[in-house]
Protein backbone atom coordinates (compact mmCIF):
# COMPACT_ATOMS: atom_id res chain seq x y z
CA MET A 1 91.35 92.05 113.77
CA LEU A 2 94.82 90.94 112.73
CA GLN A 3 94.04 87.33 113.65
CA THR A 4 90.93 87.44 111.44
CA LEU A 5 93.07 88.33 108.43
CA THR A 6 96.20 86.29 109.07
CA PHE A 7 94.61 82.91 109.81
CA PRO A 8 92.78 82.67 106.45
CA LEU A 9 95.90 83.92 104.65
CA ILE A 10 98.07 81.31 106.32
CA GLY A 11 95.40 78.69 105.67
CA GLY A 12 95.35 79.56 101.98
CA LEU A 13 99.12 79.33 101.76
CA LEU A 14 99.09 75.99 103.55
CA GLY A 15 96.38 74.78 101.18
CA LEU A 16 98.53 75.74 98.21
CA GLY A 17 101.54 74.06 99.79
CA TYR A 18 99.50 70.92 100.37
CA TYR A 19 98.47 70.93 96.71
CA LYS A 20 102.06 71.44 95.51
CA LEU A 21 103.75 68.96 97.86
CA ILE A 22 101.18 66.19 98.24
CA GLY A 23 98.47 66.84 95.66
CA CYS A 24 96.58 64.14 93.81
CA SER A 25 98.10 62.53 90.74
CA SER A 26 94.92 60.81 89.55
CA GLY A 27 92.73 63.93 89.70
CA SER A 28 89.94 62.13 91.54
CA CYS A 29 90.57 63.76 94.92
CA PRO A 30 87.95 66.48 95.50
CA ILE A 31 90.12 68.85 97.55
CA THR A 32 93.63 68.35 96.18
CA SER A 33 92.81 67.91 92.49
CA SER A 34 92.68 71.69 91.96
CA PRO A 35 94.87 74.39 93.50
CA TYR A 36 91.81 76.63 93.84
CA ALA A 37 89.95 74.02 95.87
CA SER A 38 92.96 73.49 98.12
CA ILE A 39 93.37 77.23 98.69
CA LEU A 40 89.67 77.75 99.41
CA TYR A 41 89.64 74.81 101.80
CA GLY A 42 92.67 76.24 103.61
CA ILE A 43 91.04 79.68 103.80
CA PHE A 44 87.86 78.12 105.21
CA LEU A 45 89.84 76.27 107.88
CA GLY A 46 91.70 79.49 108.70
CA ILE A 47 88.39 81.31 109.16
CA LEU A 48 87.16 78.56 111.47
CA LEU A 49 90.33 78.73 113.55
CA ALA A 50 90.21 82.52 113.76
CA ALA A 51 86.65 82.54 115.08
């Protein structure tokens, strides 16, 4: 149960960190152009890893 909650949380934080540190200056990158997209992508990867 704890793994199911922590992996998506960590994934979301890593997605936000990826957006802040690397990001996309031109705005044409589909995942890193928006912090919401980066966070959702990280959460999705966390869910996949927790399963």
